[in-house]
Amino acid sequence: MIDDLRKRLERARRVTTPWSADETRGITGTRLDALLERWANGYDWGVHERRIAELPWVTVQAGDSELRVIHRSVSPDAPVVVLLHGWPDSVLRFERVLPLLADMNVVVPALPGFPFAAPLEGSGMSVNRIAEIVADALAALGYARYTVSGGDVGGTVAEILAAQHPDRVAALHLTNVAPLRALTADRATLAPDAAAYLDRAAHWFRTEGGYIAEQSTRPNTLAVALGDSPAGLAAWIIEKLESWSDASAFTDDDLLTWVTAYWATGTIGTSFATYVEPATLPARIHTPTVLSIFPRDIKPEPRSYAEVFLDIRAYVEHAAGGHFAAWEQPEAYAADLRRAVQLNA
């Protein structure tokens, strides 16, 4: 796989546009060239692959599906936390948080369709279906009560999981409200700053949400372009990793590792499933929730908006960090997660 990858990188045809130097139009040509050169010459996937393989992976039978999870059990009496990643990342989002939760039983599912997950076959893998698979896997592991933490796709799964199984989800720790809610919120019932947030969210979707439109409506076409071209895959993913995070959140090798995770597992196409498949969200979730707000995230919500949909017990605003907060600010993320765990103490 690595030999083939390097050959493809060596043969990559550089594509220029009139805006190749404008970072507001996507990753710049200069930046991409430097990353592709590093990827082809000097980057060692084997080092990272071995580190990832050494994580405590198990495969759990979850109903009629299999779920691969990182599972670390320290004590039957320890709190149980479930960490749910999003797109365009993977379980690697939580690598820096895991050592900070050494006193807890931790489950980090590789969500179906994403890197390191069991192969995804057929359609229908919505966030609602994923929530049921996660619930079944946790039951198979013997966990009847737990705190769920996540953002992006994982945050939406967490909300649904809490609504479907209020007897199991003791508390939520989220970094955003499910984005789909902005499409159905009743502006007439919102506080002024919550209504203003809807305007900001709409502007973001118009100016930054083109990837959502393509992934949700033409996944087959896009999957070919990205699945056959490592340069295309790197451009598509790294632009998001860099623009949605604080400066210097990732080294070049960090970026390449997160991209190689998609390339090595061939999962970029299947990772679009939650964008394609319809989702159903409950009107409101009554599970006690800690909401962490990081300033460089893509659409940070005001408390008045979040409280329409969630039982917010703590609204924590941070001075730094972005969309991948568990990676960027692991200590702050872990502290807020512990606050959520304490809601059930």
Protein backbone atom coordinates (compact mmCIF):
# COMPACT_ATOMS: atom_id res chain seq x y z
CA MET A 1 0.00 0.00 0.00
CA ILE A 2 2.77 2.42 0.92
CA ASP A 3 4.72 1.64 -2.25
CA ASP A 4 1.62 2.31 -4.33
CA LEU A 5 0.94 5.51 -2.39
CA ARG A 6 4.44 6.84 -3.02
CA LYS A 7 4.23 6.03 -6.71
CA ARG A 8 0.95 7.88 -6.96
CA LEU A 9 2.44 10.85 -5.14
CA GLU A 10 5.47 10.88 -7.42
CA ARG A 11 3.17 10.89 -10.46
CA ALA A 12 0.73 13.43 -9.06
CA ARG A 13 -0.09 16.12 -11.59
CA ARG A 14 0.05 19.55 -10.03
CA VAL A 15 -3.11 21.50 -10.68
CA THR A 16 -3.13 25.28 -10.52
CA THR A 17 -6.02 27.74 -10.49
CA PRO A 18 -6.08 31.55 -10.66
CA TRP A 19 -6.52 31.44 -6.88
CA SER A 20 -3.76 28.95 -5.99
CA ALA A 21 -2.17 31.40 -3.55
CA ASP A 22 -5.45 32.41 -1.87
CA GLU A 23 -6.02 30.32 1.25
CA THR A 24 -9.64 31.52 1.45
CA ARG A 25 -10.27 29.46 -1.71
CA GLY A 26 -8.94 26.21 -0.25
CA ILE A 27 -5.50 24.83 0.47
CA THR A 28 -2.85 26.80 -1.38
CA GLY A 29 -0.69 25.20 -4.06
CA THR A 30 2.49 25.94 -2.12
CA ARG A 31 1.16 24.37 1.07
CA LEU A 32 -0.10 21.28 -0.71
CA ASP A 33 3.15 20.82 -2.63
CA ALA A 34 5.14 20.85 0.63
CA LEU A 35 2.85 18.29 2.25
CA LEU A 36 2.88 15.98 -0.76
CA GLU A 37 6.67 16.12 -0.87
CA ARG A 38 6.84 15.17 2.81
CA TRP A 39 4.27 12.40 2.32
CA ALA A 40 6.27 10.88 -0.53
CA ASN A 41 9.74 11.38 0.96
CA GLY A 42 10.37 11.24 4.68
CA TYR A 43 7.00 10.50 6.24
CA ASP A 44 6.99 7.09 7.94
CA TRP A 45 3.47 5.64 8.21
CA GLY A 46 4.85 2.50 9.83
CA VAL A 47 5.77 4.36 13.02
CA HIS A 48 2.24 5.69 13.39
CA GLU A 49 0.59 2.47 12.27
CA ARG A 50 2.39 0.54 15.03
CA ARG A 51 1.36 3.12 17.64
CA ILE A 52 -2.27 2.92 16.54
CA ALA A 53 -2.17 -0.89 16.49
CA GLU A 54 -0.91 -0.93 20.08
CA LEU A 55 -4.05 0.77 21.35
CA PRO A 56 -6.36 -1.68 23.19
CA TRP A 57 -8.57 -2.59 20.24
CA VAL A 58 -11.42 -5.07 20.50
CA THR A 59 -14.20 -6.06 18.10
CA VAL A 60 -17.64 -6.19 19.68
CA GLN A 61 -20.71 -7.90 18.28
CA ALA A 62 -23.42 -5.24 18.26
CA GLY A 63 -26.67 -6.84 17.17
CA ASP A 64 -26.17 -7.84 13.56
CA SER A 65 -23.12 -5.56 13.20
CA GLU A 66 -19.56 -5.51 14.43
CA LEU A 67 -18.05 -2.45 16.06
CA ARG A 68 -14.33 -1.99 16.51
CA VAL A 69 -13.54 0.02 19.62
CA ILE A 70 -10.62 1.09 21.73
CA HIS A 71 -11.56 -0.30 25.13
CA ARG A 72 -9.66 0.30 28.33
CA SER A 73 -11.18 -1.11 31.52
CA VAL A 74 -9.54 -0.18 34.81
CA SER A 75 -12.16 -1.15 37.41
CA PRO A 76 -15.78 -2.33 37.58
CA ASP A 77 -16.47 0.64 39.88
CA ALA A 78 -14.83 3.29 37.69
CA PRO A 79 -16.93 5.76 35.69
CA VAL A 80 -17.54 4.77 32.07
CA VAL A 81 -17.00 7.34 29.34
CA VAL A 82 -17.70 6.91 25.64
CA LEU A 83 -15.82 9.15 23.18
CA LEU A 84 -17.36 9.71 19.74
CA HIS A 85 -15.34 11.28 16.92
CA GLY A 86 -16.52 13.11 13.81
CA TRP A 87 -15.50 13.93 10.25
CA PRO A 88 -12.91 14.25 8.74
CA ASP A 89 -11.10 12.51 11.56
CA SER A 90 -11.25 9.23 13.45
CA VAL A 91 -10.50 7.77 16.87
CA LEU A 92 -7.16 9.57 16.55
CA ARG A 93 -8.99 12.71 17.69
CA PHE A 94 -8.84 11.31 21.24
CA GLU A 95 -5.25 10.05 21.42
CA ARG A 96 -4.12 12.92 23.62
CA VAL A 97 -7.12 12.65 25.95
CA LEU A 98 -6.77 8.95 26.71
CA PRO A 99 -3.78 9.32 29.09
CA LEU A 100 -5.74 11.97 31.03
CA LEU A 101 -8.58 9.53 31.75
CA ALA A 102 -6.47 6.78 33.33
CA ASP A 103 -8.92 6.31 36.22
CA MET A 104 -11.91 5.68 33.97
CA ASN A 105 -13.26 2.88 31.82
CA VAL A 106 -13.02 4.31 28.31
CA VAL A 107 -14.68 3.19 25.07
CA VAL A 108 -13.74 4.90 21.80
CA PRO A 109 -15.69 3.43 18.87
CA ALA A 110 -14.38 3.63 15.32
CA LEU A 111 -17.69 4.79 13.92
CA PRO A 112 -19.02 2.67 11.03
CA GLY A 113 -17.67 3.86 7.70
CA PHE A 114 -14.69 5.66 9.22
CA PRO A 115 -11.01 4.66 9.49
CA PHE A 116 -10.26 1.49 11.48
CA ALA A 117 -13.94 0.42 11.54
CA ALA A 118 -15.26 -2.90 10.31
CA PRO A 119 -16.03 -2.71 6.56
CA LEU A 120 -19.26 -0.89 5.81
CA GLU A 121 -21.57 -2.79 3.49
CA GLY A 122 -24.85 -1.56 2.07
CA SER A 123 -26.73 1.66 2.75
CA GLY A 124 -28.69 2.91 5.71
CA MET A 125 -25.82 3.81 8.05
CA SER A 126 -27.41 6.96 9.44
CA VAL A 127 -26.50 8.62 12.72
CA ASN A 128 -29.59 6.95 14.19
CA ARG A 129 -28.36 3.52 13.12
CA ILE A 130 -24.88 4.25 14.45
CA ALA A 131 -26.35 5.25 17.82
CA GLU A 132 -28.08 1.88 18.08
CA ILE A 133 -24.91 0.01 17.14
CA VAL A 134 -22.95 1.90 19.80
CA ALA A 135 -25.66 1.16 22.39
CA ASP A 136 -25.62 -2.54 21.52
CA ALA A 137 -21.82 -2.65 21.71
CA LEU A 138 -21.76 -1.00 25.13
CA ALA A 139 -24.34 -3.48 26.39
CA ALA A 140 -22.20 -6.32 25.05
CA LEU A 141 -19.23 -4.90 26.96
CA GLY A 142 -21.33 -5.00 30.12
CA TYR A 143 -21.87 -1.26 30.57
CA ALA A 144 -25.36 -0.23 31.70
CA ARG A 145 -24.65 3.43 32.55
CA TYR A 146 -22.14 5.86 31.02
CA THR A 147 -21.28 9.41 30.04
CA VAL A 148 -21.05 10.14 26.32
CA SER A 149 -18.70 12.77 24.92
CA GLY A 150 -18.26 13.99 21.36
CA GLY A 151 -18.62 16.57 18.64
CA ASP A 152 -19.47 16.87 14.95
CA VAL A 153 -20.96 13.54 13.73
CA GLY A 154 -20.10 12.02 17.10
CA GLY A 155 -21.99 14.77 18.92
CA THR A 156 -25.11 14.10 16.87
CA VAL A 157 -24.80 10.37 17.60
CA ALA A 158 -24.41 11.23 21.29
CA GLU A 159 -27.62 13.30 21.31
CA ILE A 160 -29.58 10.49 19.63
CA LEU A 161 -28.08 7.86 21.94
CA ALA A 162 -29.15 9.89 24.97
CA ALA A 163 -32.68 10.30 23.60
CA GLN A 164 -33.04 6.62 22.69
CA HIS A 165 -31.59 5.32 25.95
CA PRO A 166 -32.10 7.84 28.78
CA ASP A 167 -31.75 5.01 31.27
CA ARG A 168 -28.22 4.31 30.04
CA VAL A 169 -26.76 7.75 29.23
CA ALA A 170 -26.12 9.45 32.54
CA ALA A 171 -24.71 12.68 31.11
CA LEU A 172 -23.51 14.27 27.89
CA HIS A 173 -20.38 16.25 27.15
CA LEU A 174 -20.60 17.99 23.78
CA THR A 175 -18.56 20.52 21.82
CA ASN A 176 -21.47 21.55 19.61
CA VAL A 177 -25.21 21.21 19.18
CA ALA A 178 -26.23 18.86 16.35
CA PRO A 179 -25.88 21.00 13.19
CA LEU A 180 -29.14 19.69 11.72
CA ARG A 181 -31.04 21.59 14.38
CA ALA A 182 -30.25 24.89 12.69
CA LEU A 183 -32.38 23.79 9.75
CA THR A 184 -35.51 23.21 11.85
CA ALA A 185 -35.23 25.73 14.69
CA ASP A 186 -38.25 28.00 15.09
CA ARG A 187 -36.81 31.51 14.93
CA ALA A 188 -39.96 33.03 16.41
CA THR A 189 -39.42 31.24 19.71
CA LEU A 190 -35.71 32.03 20.07
CA ALA A 191 -33.98 34.63 22.19
CA PRO A 192 -32.37 37.47 20.16
CA ASP A 193 -28.82 36.10 20.38
CA ALA A 194 -30.06 32.61 19.47
CA ALA A 195 -31.84 33.99 16.41
CA ALA A 196 -28.68 35.90 15.49
CA TYR A 197 -26.79 32.62 15.72
CA LEU A 198 -29.08 31.14 13.07
CA ASP A 199 -28.06 33.98 10.76
CA ARG A 200 -24.39 33.26 11.41
CA ALA A 201 -24.93 29.55 10.85
CA ALA A 202 -26.76 30.22 7.58
CA HIS A 203 -23.88 32.43 6.42
CA TRP A 204 -21.42 29.67 7.32
CA PHE A 205 -23.39 27.09 5.33
CA ARG A 206 -23.46 29.42 2.31
CA THR A 207 -19.76 30.27 2.39
CA GLU A 208 -18.14 27.18 3.91
CA GLY A 209 -20.61 24.33 3.53
CA GLY A 210 -19.98 23.34 -0.08
CA TYR A 211 -18.35 20.10 1.04
CA ILE A 212 -21.58 19.13 2.82
CA ALA A 213 -23.61 19.65 -0.35
CA GLU A 214 -21.26 17.48 -2.41
CA GLN A 215 -20.84 14.71 0.18
CA SER A 216 -24.57 14.48 0.82
CA THR A 217 -25.82 14.62 -2.78
CA ARG A 218 -23.06 13.15 -5.00
CA PRO A 219 -21.02 10.84 -2.76
CA ASN A 220 -20.26 8.35 -5.54
CA THR A 221 -18.66 10.98 -7.75
CA LEU A 222 -16.60 12.51 -4.96
CA ALA A 223 -15.49 9.13 -3.59
CA VAL A 224 -13.84 8.28 -6.92
CA ALA A 225 -11.97 11.58 -7.06
CA LEU A 226 -10.65 11.31 -3.51
CA GLY A 227 -10.28 7.55 -3.28
CA ASP A 228 -8.06 7.35 -6.37
CA SER A 229 -5.90 10.43 -5.75
CA PRO A 230 -3.87 10.88 -2.58
CA ALA A 231 -3.22 14.49 -3.58
CA GLY A 232 -6.95 15.10 -3.86
CA LEU A 233 -7.63 13.37 -0.55
CA ALA A 234 -4.96 15.44 1.20
CA ALA A 235 -6.31 18.68 -0.23
CA TRP A 236 -9.89 17.82 0.76
CA ILE A 237 -9.12 16.79 4.35
CA ILE A 238 -6.16 18.96 5.33
CA GLU A 239 -7.92 22.16 4.34
CA LYS A 240 -10.56 21.32 6.97
CA LEU A 241 -8.10 20.19 9.63
CA GLU A 242 -6.15 23.45 9.35
CA SER A 243 -8.99 25.92 8.86
CA TRP A 244 -11.15 24.49 11.65
CA SER A 245 -8.42 24.46 14.30
CA ASP A 246 -6.07 26.79 16.13
CA ALA A 247 -2.80 27.60 14.44
CA SER A 248 -0.09 24.99 15.10
CA ALA A 249 -2.63 22.44 16.31
CA PHE A 250 -1.13 19.88 13.95
CA THR A 251 2.39 19.16 12.80
CA ASP A 252 2.79 18.16 9.16
CA ASP A 253 3.20 14.53 10.23
CA ASP A 254 0.03 14.75 12.35
CA LEU A 255 -1.89 15.95 9.30
CA LEU A 256 -0.44 13.23 7.11
CA THR A 257 -1.24 10.55 9.68
CA TRP A 258 -4.89 11.57 9.85
CA VAL A 259 -5.07 11.58 6.04
CA THR A 260 -3.19 8.28 5.69
CA ALA A 261 -5.71 6.71 8.07
CA TYR A 262 -8.35 7.35 5.40
CA TRP A 263 -6.10 6.29 2.52
CA ALA A 264 -4.87 3.06 4.13
CA THR A 265 -8.37 1.96 5.13
CA GLY A 266 -10.08 3.14 1.93
CA THR A 267 -12.86 4.79 3.91
CA ILE A 268 -13.26 8.28 2.46
CA GLY A 269 -16.36 7.22 0.48
CA THR A 270 -18.02 5.34 3.33
CA SER A 271 -17.30 8.23 5.72
CA PHE A 272 -19.92 10.21 3.75
CA ALA A 273 -22.72 7.90 4.91
CA THR A 274 -23.94 10.12 7.74
CA TYR A 275 -24.16 13.04 5.31
CA VAL A 276 -26.23 11.02 2.85
CA GLU A 277 -28.60 9.02 5.05
CA PRO A 278 -31.57 10.88 6.61
CA ALA A 279 -31.46 11.55 10.33
CA THR A 280 -34.17 11.97 12.94
CA LEU A 281 -33.46 14.13 15.98
CA PRO A 282 -35.66 14.44 19.08
CA ALA A 283 -37.03 17.92 19.72
CA ARG A 284 -35.25 18.15 23.06
CA ILE A 285 -32.93 15.98 25.10
CA HIS A 286 -33.32 15.92 28.87
CA THR A 287 -29.96 14.35 29.73
CA PRO A 288 -27.75 16.64 31.87
CA THR A 289 -25.21 18.21 29.53
CA VAL A 290 -21.90 20.04 29.68
CA LEU A 291 -21.29 22.10 26.54
CA SER A 292 -17.69 23.08 25.80
CA ILE A 293 -17.27 26.08 23.51
CA PHE A 294 -13.94 26.52 21.73
CA PRO A 295 -13.42 29.82 19.86
CA ARG A 296 -11.93 28.38 16.66
CA ASP A 297 -14.73 25.86 16.18
CA ILE A 298 -16.77 26.40 13.04
CA LYS A 299 -20.11 27.53 14.54
CA PRO A 300 -19.89 28.07 18.32
CA GLU A 301 -23.41 28.29 19.73
CA PRO A 302 -24.62 30.75 22.39
CA ARG A 303 -26.04 29.25 25.53
CA SER A 304 -29.58 30.51 24.78
CA TYR A 305 -29.62 28.50 21.55
CA ALA A 306 -28.19 25.33 23.09
CA GLU A 307 -30.71 25.42 25.94
CA VAL A 308 -33.59 25.12 23.47
CA PHE A 309 -32.48 21.57 22.66
CA LEU A 310 -30.33 20.43 25.60
CA ASP A 311 -30.42 20.41 29.40
CA ILE A 312 -27.33 22.59 29.82
CA ARG A 313 -25.89 22.27 33.33
CA ALA A 314 -22.54 23.88 32.45
CA TYR A 315 -21.63 26.11 29.50
CA VAL A 316 -17.85 26.41 29.42
CA GLU A 317 -16.14 28.93 27.14
CA HIS A 318 -12.46 28.39 26.46
CA ALA A 319 -9.79 30.83 25.33
CA ALA A 320 -8.23 28.55 22.71
CA GLY A 321 -9.03 25.48 20.64
CA GLY A 322 -11.18 24.59 17.68
CA HIS A 323 -13.20 21.83 16.08
CA PHE A 324 -10.81 19.07 17.14
CA ALA A 325 -10.65 20.23 20.75
CA ALA A 326 -9.83 16.83 22.24
CA TRP A 327 -6.63 16.89 20.18
CA GLU A 328 -5.92 20.63 20.39
CA GLN A 329 -6.73 21.23 24.07
CA PRO A 330 -6.78 17.79 25.72
CA GLU A 331 -6.48 19.06 29.30
CA ALA A 332 -9.42 21.45 28.90
CA TYR A 333 -11.45 18.80 27.12
CA ALA A 334 -10.77 16.20 29.82
CA ALA A 335 -11.66 18.67 32.58
CA ASP A 336 -15.04 19.39 30.99
CA LEU A 337 -15.67 15.67 30.47
CA ARG A 338 -14.97 15.09 34.16
CA ARG A 339 -17.46 17.80 34.97
CA ALA A 340 -20.08 15.89 33.00
CA VAL A 341 -19.20 12.65 34.82
CA GLN A 342 -19.69 14.45 38.14
CA LEU A 343 -23.26 15.36 37.16
CA ASN A 344 -24.09 11.73 37.86
CA ALA A 345 -21.91 11.34 40.94
